[in-house]
């Protein structure tokens, strides 16, 4: 993994519920290159956020990562399999928040309501960077200013519940960026932001990547953000990767019927008001009742007999472009 910051192989994370076993992510493999951004896209429930939590070793009961490898290269060029480390160990805590940081989707639940925004960011900096209080406070003010929070000298003394959703999200982003991580996992980082601040935050993340050699795992529903922000992209459906390619290849020549459906569902500025939105027919099947074959078969316009009998494997269709579809096997 000379040019990769993380190499994930055959990763499986299941949830053991009363209804049965829910395969949230089921045998996925991918790599994130150094100084590059990998986008993850797919419908809600496809396994995007569970993938992020699995990397961070934050899967709680009844969930469990049952197999696979997560090989992470540290600042010292040491390769560590994160799945072989106790999630609560000192080693994992030193990696989490420092070498690997995450912007969570819901800042109101991710931030501690009884501590000020400033105290929470200062604590992260002091824990991982061994700064004194004054140094950590000044860096907190600087990073809050960078993510577009007005009057940061005042905001650091305020609590999460006193802020709007947008300010809370920006503070969460500031906390994740505060230690200049090797890998930044961004789970819908611009959800609560207006268009202007969204552009600022995306530009900030690009600058961080360029200036501090940071790789980014970018999770989003917004294909427009994917096209603007990412170098490579993986498309997930029901816990599986159905397509992975460079962003240019994926947008110019999508292969999997699901990816094509996602592309076609993007509203066009050229469409008139009478043009109906294109949708992917049907609903996502019950994950507790997964049948043989391709998981997209019930919604696929190109379904064949083999799709109902065998599960397609990721197949290389062109340079750096893989898809799991019998149309190309």
Protein backbone atom coordinates (compact mmCIF):
# COMPACT_ATOMS: atom_id res chain seq x y z
CA UNK A 1 0.00 0.00 0.00
CA UNK A 2 2.85 2.32 -0.90
CA UNK A 3 0.58 5.06 -2.29
CA UNK A 4 -2.44 4.41 -0.06
CA UNK A 5 -3.24 5.78 3.37
CA UNK A 6 -5.75 2.98 4.02
CA UNK A 7 -6.43 -0.38 2.39
CA UNK A 8 -9.69 -2.15 3.23
CA UNK A 9 -10.18 -5.80 2.27
CA UNK A 10 -13.25 -8.07 2.55
CA UNK A 11 -14.83 -5.95 5.28
CA UNK A 12 -18.06 -7.24 6.82
CA UNK A 13 -20.08 -5.50 9.52
CA UNK A 14 -23.33 -7.16 10.61
CA UNK A 15 -26.05 -6.17 13.07
CA UNK A 16 -27.59 -8.98 15.11
CA UNK A 17 -31.20 -7.99 15.73
CA UNK A 18 -34.36 -9.80 16.83
CA UNK A 19 -35.57 -9.81 13.21
CA UNK A 20 -32.38 -11.52 12.09
CA UNK A 21 -28.89 -10.66 10.88
CA UNK A 22 -28.61 -7.37 9.00
CA UNK A 23 -25.53 -7.33 6.69
CA UNK A 24 -24.92 -3.57 6.79
CA UNK A 25 -21.68 -3.94 4.82
CA UNK A 26 -20.97 -7.27 3.22
CA UNK A 27 -17.52 -8.06 1.84
CA UNK A 28 -16.35 -4.68 0.54
CA UNK A 29 -12.82 -3.75 -0.49
CA UNK A 30 -11.35 -0.39 -1.47
CA UNK A 31 -8.30 1.83 -1.06
CA UNK A 32 -7.89 5.52 -0.37
CA UNK A 33 -4.88 7.06 -2.03
CA UNK A 34 -2.62 9.54 -0.29
CA UNK A 35 -3.71 13.15 -0.73
CA UNK A 36 -6.82 12.07 -2.68
CA UNK A 37 -10.55 12.16 -2.00
CA UNK A 38 -12.69 9.04 -2.32
CA UNK A 39 -16.42 9.64 -2.53
CA UNK A 40 -19.04 7.17 -1.31
CA UNK A 41 -22.53 7.51 -2.74
CA UNK A 42 -25.76 5.52 -2.52
CA UNK A 43 -29.26 5.54 -1.08
CA UNK A 44 -29.91 5.81 2.65
CA UNK A 45 -29.23 2.50 4.39
CA UNK A 46 -26.76 1.22 1.79
CA UNK A 47 -23.88 1.09 4.30
CA UNK A 48 -22.06 4.39 3.77
CA UNK A 49 -22.05 5.56 7.38
CA UNK A 50 -21.48 2.04 8.75
CA UNK A 51 -18.37 1.86 6.58
CA UNK A 52 -17.09 5.06 8.19
CA UNK A 53 -17.90 3.86 11.72
CA UNK A 54 -16.20 0.53 11.02
CA UNK A 55 -12.98 2.33 10.07
CA UNK A 56 -13.17 4.41 13.25
CA UNK A 57 -13.92 1.25 15.29
CA UNK A 58 -17.08 2.86 16.64
CA UNK A 59 -19.56 0.06 15.90
CA UNK A 60 -21.68 -0.57 19.00
CA UNK A 61 -23.72 -3.62 19.98
CA UNK A 62 -25.74 -5.22 18.43
CA UNK A 63 -23.40 -4.44 15.52
CA UNK A 64 -20.08 -6.19 15.03
CA UNK A 65 -17.34 -6.13 12.42
CA UNK A 66 -17.02 -9.85 11.79
CA UNK A 67 -14.16 -10.08 9.30
CA UNK A 68 -11.81 -8.27 6.98
CA UNK A 69 -8.77 -6.02 7.20
CA UNK A 70 -8.38 -2.27 7.64
CA UNK A 71 -4.70 -1.55 7.01
CA UNK A 72 -3.85 2.03 7.97
CA UNK A 73 -0.49 3.71 7.39
CA UNK A 74 0.47 6.02 10.26
CA UNK A 75 2.63 9.14 10.26
CA UNK A 76 5.61 6.87 10.95
CA UNK A 77 4.83 4.80 7.82
CA UNK A 78 3.85 1.92 10.08
CA UNK A 79 1.07 -0.28 8.71
CA UNK A 80 -1.53 -1.24 11.32
CA UNK A 81 -4.58 -3.47 10.95
CA UNK A 82 -7.17 -1.49 12.89
CA UNK A 83 -9.35 -4.59 13.32
CA UNK A 84 -6.60 -6.18 15.40
CA UNK A 85 -6.66 -3.32 17.91
CA UNK A 86 -9.03 -3.10 20.86
CA UNK A 87 -11.42 -0.21 20.03
CA UNK A 88 -11.00 1.16 23.57
CA UNK A 89 -7.21 0.76 23.74
CA UNK A 90 -4.79 3.65 24.13
CA UNK A 91 -3.40 2.98 20.64
CA UNK A 92 -6.82 3.23 18.98
CA UNK A 93 -7.71 6.35 20.96
CA UNK A 94 -4.46 7.98 19.84
CA UNK A 95 -5.28 7.18 16.19
CA UNK A 96 -8.93 8.20 16.45
CA UNK A 97 -9.23 11.98 16.40
CA UNK A 98 -5.58 12.52 15.56
CA UNK A 99 -4.49 10.38 12.58
CA UNK A 100 -8.09 9.60 11.56
CA UNK A 101 -10.79 12.15 12.25
CA UNK A 102 -14.49 12.17 11.46
CA UNK A 103 -17.14 14.77 10.77
CA UNK A 104 -20.36 13.21 12.02
CA UNK A 105 -23.69 13.67 10.29
CA UNK A 106 -25.57 14.87 13.39
CA UNK A 107 -23.52 17.47 15.31
CA UNK A 108 -26.22 17.91 17.98
CA UNK A 109 -25.77 14.30 19.11
CA UNK A 110 -22.02 14.15 18.41
CA UNK A 111 -21.14 17.17 20.56
CA UNK A 112 -21.35 17.15 24.36
CA UNK A 113 -24.22 19.45 25.44
CA UNK A 114 -22.71 20.29 28.85
CA UNK A 115 -19.40 21.68 27.55
CA UNK A 116 -18.85 24.80 25.47
CA UNK A 117 -17.86 24.47 21.84
CA UNK A 118 -14.46 25.95 22.63
CA UNK A 119 -13.75 23.56 25.51
CA UNK A 120 -14.52 20.54 23.33
CA UNK A 121 -12.15 21.59 20.54
CA UNK A 122 -9.47 22.73 22.98
CA UNK A 123 -9.61 19.32 24.69
CA UNK A 124 -9.01 17.51 21.37
CA UNK A 125 -6.00 19.70 20.54
CA UNK A 126 -4.46 19.39 24.00
CA UNK A 127 -5.01 15.61 24.08
CA UNK A 128 -3.39 14.87 20.74
CA UNK A 129 -0.96 17.75 20.19
CA UNK A 130 0.19 18.29 23.78
CA UNK A 131 -0.35 22.05 23.50
CA UNK A 132 -0.82 24.27 26.52
CA UNK A 133 -4.21 25.84 27.11
CA UNK A 134 -3.43 29.22 25.56
CA UNK A 135 -1.99 27.67 22.39
CA UNK A 136 -4.95 25.33 22.02
CA UNK A 137 -7.40 28.18 22.59
CA UNK A 138 -5.79 30.34 19.91
CA UNK A 139 -5.77 27.46 17.42
CA UNK A 140 -9.46 26.85 18.22
CA UNK A 141 -10.29 30.48 17.46
CA UNK A 142 -8.31 30.29 14.20
CA UNK A 143 -10.00 27.10 12.97
CA UNK A 144 -13.47 28.38 13.88
CA UNK A 145 -12.72 31.47 11.80
CA UNK A 146 -11.53 29.28 8.92
CA UNK A 147 -14.83 27.37 8.76
CA UNK A 148 -16.80 30.61 8.62
CA UNK A 149 -18.06 31.00 12.19
CA UNK A 150 -18.50 34.71 12.99
CA UNK A 151 -17.04 36.15 16.22
CA UNK A 152 -15.16 32.98 17.18
CA UNK A 153 -13.78 34.65 20.32
CA UNK A 154 -17.36 34.76 21.59
CA UNK A 155 -18.58 31.45 20.15
CA UNK A 156 -15.95 29.41 21.99
CA UNK A 157 -17.73 30.26 25.26
CA UNK A 158 -21.16 29.17 24.01
CA UNK A 159 -22.85 25.77 24.20
CA UNK A 160 -24.02 23.63 21.26
CA UNK A 161 -27.72 24.20 22.03
CA UNK A 162 -27.20 27.96 21.71
CA UNK A 163 -26.15 27.62 18.06
CA UNK A 164 -28.07 27.11 14.86
CA UNK A 165 -27.74 23.79 13.06
CA UNK A 166 -25.35 25.33 10.58
CA UNK A 167 -23.05 26.74 13.26
CA UNK A 168 -23.02 23.40 15.09
CA UNK A 169 -22.06 21.61 11.89
CA UNK A 170 -19.25 24.08 11.23
CA UNK A 171 -17.98 23.64 14.78
CA UNK A 172 -18.00 19.86 14.25
CA UNK A 173 -15.95 20.32 11.09
CA UNK A 174 -13.52 22.58 12.98
CA UNK A 175 -13.06 19.90 15.64
CA UNK A 176 -12.31 17.27 13.00
CA UNK A 177 -9.77 19.50 11.26
CA UNK A 178 -8.07 20.70 14.43
CA UNK A 179 -5.34 18.01 14.51
CA UNK A 180 -4.59 17.96 10.76
CA UNK A 181 -5.48 14.26 10.33
CA UNK A 182 -3.96 11.92 7.75
CA UNK A 183 -7.46 10.67 6.91
CA UNK A 184 -10.56 12.80 7.29
CA UNK A 185 -13.87 10.95 7.13
CA UNK A 186 -16.64 13.36 6.21
CA UNK A 187 -20.15 11.94 6.67
CA UNK A 188 -22.50 14.40 4.93
CA UNK A 189 -20.38 17.36 6.17
CA UNK A 190 -22.40 20.07 4.43
CA UNK A 191 -25.89 18.82 5.33
CA UNK A 192 -26.89 21.81 7.47
CA UNK A 193 -25.01 24.53 5.60
CA UNK A 194 -26.29 27.11 3.17
CA UNK A 195 -24.84 27.15 -0.35
CA UNK A 196 -22.29 29.91 0.34
CA UNK A 197 -20.87 28.29 3.49
CA UNK A 198 -20.98 24.88 1.82
CA UNK A 199 -18.67 26.16 -0.90
CA UNK A 200 -16.35 27.65 1.74
CA UNK A 201 -16.20 24.40 3.69
CA UNK A 202 -15.52 22.31 0.59
CA UNK A 203 -12.77 24.73 -0.43
CA UNK A 204 -11.34 24.56 3.10
CA UNK A 205 -11.22 20.76 2.94
CA UNK A 206 -9.46 20.92 -0.43
CA UNK A 207 -6.87 23.33 1.00
CA UNK A 208 -6.34 21.11 4.05
CA UNK A 209 -5.79 18.14 1.78
CA UNK A 210 -3.27 20.07 -0.31
CA UNK A 211 -1.39 21.75 2.53
CA UNK A 212 -1.30 18.93 5.07
CA UNK A 213 -1.21 15.80 2.87
CA UNK A 214 -4.64 14.70 4.02
CA UNK A 215 -6.77 12.02 2.40
CA UNK A 216 -10.56 12.29 2.57
CA UNK A 217 -13.36 9.73 2.61
CA UNK A 218 -16.33 11.83 1.53
CA UNK A 219 -19.82 10.42 2.13
CA UNK A 220 -22.72 12.22 0.52
CA UNK A 221 -26.03 11.84 -1.31
CA UNK A 222 -25.15 14.78 -3.55
CA UNK A 223 -23.65 13.65 -6.84
CA UNK A 224 -22.88 17.28 -7.66
CA UNK A 225 -20.62 17.51 -4.60
CA UNK A 226 -19.03 14.18 -5.58
CA UNK A 227 -18.17 15.54 -9.04
CA UNK A 228 -16.68 18.71 -7.55
CA UNK A 229 -14.90 17.28 -4.52
CA UNK A 230 -13.70 13.75 -5.28
CA UNK A 231 -10.99 12.06 -7.33
CA UNK A 232 -12.48 8.57 -7.15
CA UNK A 233 -15.89 7.24 -6.17
CA UNK A 234 -17.55 4.02 -5.02
CA UNK A 235 -21.26 3.38 -5.44
CA UNK A 236 -22.92 1.24 -2.74
CA UNK A 237 -26.18 -0.68 -2.75
CA UNK A 238 -27.44 -2.86 0.11
CA UNK A 239 -24.03 -3.21 1.74
CA UNK A 240 -22.19 -3.97 -1.50
CA UNK A 241 -19.95 -1.93 -3.78
CA UNK A 242 -21.60 -2.12 -7.21
CA UNK A 243 -19.24 0.24 -9.03
CA UNK A 244 -15.95 2.02 -8.42
CA UNK A 245 -14.08 4.32 -10.76
CA UNK A 246 -12.47 7.69 -11.14
CA UNK A 247 -15.02 10.49 -10.95
CA UNK A 248 -14.42 11.40 -14.59
CA UNK A 249 -15.02 7.81 -15.76
CA UNK A 250 -18.09 7.34 -13.60
CA UNK A 251 -19.85 10.49 -14.75
CA UNK A 252 -18.86 10.09 -18.40
CA UNK A 253 -19.56 6.38 -18.66
CA UNK A 254 -21.52 4.81 -15.77
CA UNK A 255 -21.84 1.05 -16.15
CA UNK A 256 -24.01 -0.45 -13.42
CA UNK A 257 -27.79 -0.04 -13.90
CA UNK A 258 -28.07 1.35 -10.36
CA UNK A 259 -25.43 4.01 -11.04
CA UNK A 260 -27.15 4.89 -14.31
CA UNK A 261 -30.43 5.22 -12.38
CA UNK A 262 -28.82 7.59 -9.89
CA UNK A 263 -27.40 9.71 -12.71
CA UNK A 264 -30.74 9.85 -14.52
CA UNK A 265 -32.53 10.95 -11.35
CA UNK A 266 -30.54 14.19 -11.17
CA UNK A 267 -32.84 17.08 -12.16
CA UNK A 268 -31.65 18.92 -15.25
CA UNK A 269 -31.61 22.70 -15.48
CA UNK A 270 -32.66 22.31 -19.13
CA UNK A 271 -35.83 20.39 -18.26
CA UNK A 272 -39.12 22.27 -18.38
CA UNK A 273 -41.48 22.31 -15.43
CA UNK A 274 -43.69 19.65 -17.02
CA UNK A 275 -40.92 17.03 -17.24
CA UNK A 276 -41.44 14.39 -14.52
CA UNK A 277 -38.49 13.45 -12.34
CA UNK A 278 -36.89 10.13 -13.23
CA UNK A 279 -36.79 7.62 -10.37
CA UNK A 280 -35.44 4.13 -9.83
CA UNK A 281 -38.44 1.80 -9.86
CA UNK A 282 -39.38 -0.29 -6.85
CA UNK A 283 -38.06 -0.21 -3.30
CA UNK A 284 -34.96 -1.49 -1.58
CA UNK A 285 -35.64 -5.14 -0.61
CA UNK A 286 -35.92 -6.24 3.01
CA UNK A 287 -32.30 -6.73 4.15
CA UNK A 288 -33.38 -9.67 6.35
CA UNK A 289 -34.73 -11.49 3.30
CA UNK A 290 -31.85 -11.26 0.84
CA UNK A 291 -32.36 -13.73 -1.99
CA UNK A 292 -29.83 -15.42 -4.22
CA UNK A 293 -28.24 -13.47 -7.00
CA UNK A 294 -27.77 -9.75 -7.55
CA UNK A 295 -29.24 -7.57 -4.82
CA UNK A 296 -30.44 -5.04 -7.40
CA UNK A 297 -32.33 -7.64 -9.48
CA UNK A 298 -35.85 -6.61 -8.37
CA UNK A 299 -35.28 -3.02 -9.55
CA UNK A 300 -33.00 -3.58 -12.53
CA UNK A 301 -34.31 -2.81 -16.05
CA UNK A 302 -31.74 -5.23 -17.52
CA UNK A 303 -32.32 -8.22 -15.24
CA UNK A 304 -31.41 -11.64 -16.72
CA UNK A 305 -31.91 -15.20 -15.48
CA UNK A 306 -28.34 -15.42 -14.20
CA UNK A 307 -28.95 -12.31 -12.06
CA UNK A 308 -31.46 -14.34 -10.01
CA UNK A 309 -29.10 -17.26 -9.47
CA UNK A 310 -25.62 -15.87 -8.93
CA UNK A 311 -24.14 -12.82 -7.26
CA UNK A 312 -21.99 -10.79 -9.67
CA UNK A 313 -18.41 -10.01 -8.70
CA UNK A 314 -16.63 -6.72 -9.25
CA UNK A 315 -15.16 -6.93 -12.73
CA UNK A 316 -12.68 -4.59 -14.37
CA UNK A 317 -14.33 -3.00 -17.41
CA UNK A 318 -11.65 -0.42 -18.19
CA UNK A 319 -8.62 1.12 -16.55
CA UNK A 320 -9.49 1.95 -12.90
CA UNK A 321 -13.17 1.18 -13.50
CA UNK A 322 -14.88 -1.84 -11.90
CA UNK A 323 -18.53 -2.87 -11.75
CA UNK A 324 -20.47 -5.86 -10.44
CA UNK A 325 -22.93 -6.62 -13.23
CA UNK A 326 -23.39 -9.63 -15.50
CA UNK A 327 -23.73 -7.26 -18.45
CA UNK A 328 -19.93 -6.97 -18.28
CA UNK A 329 -18.89 -10.34 -16.85
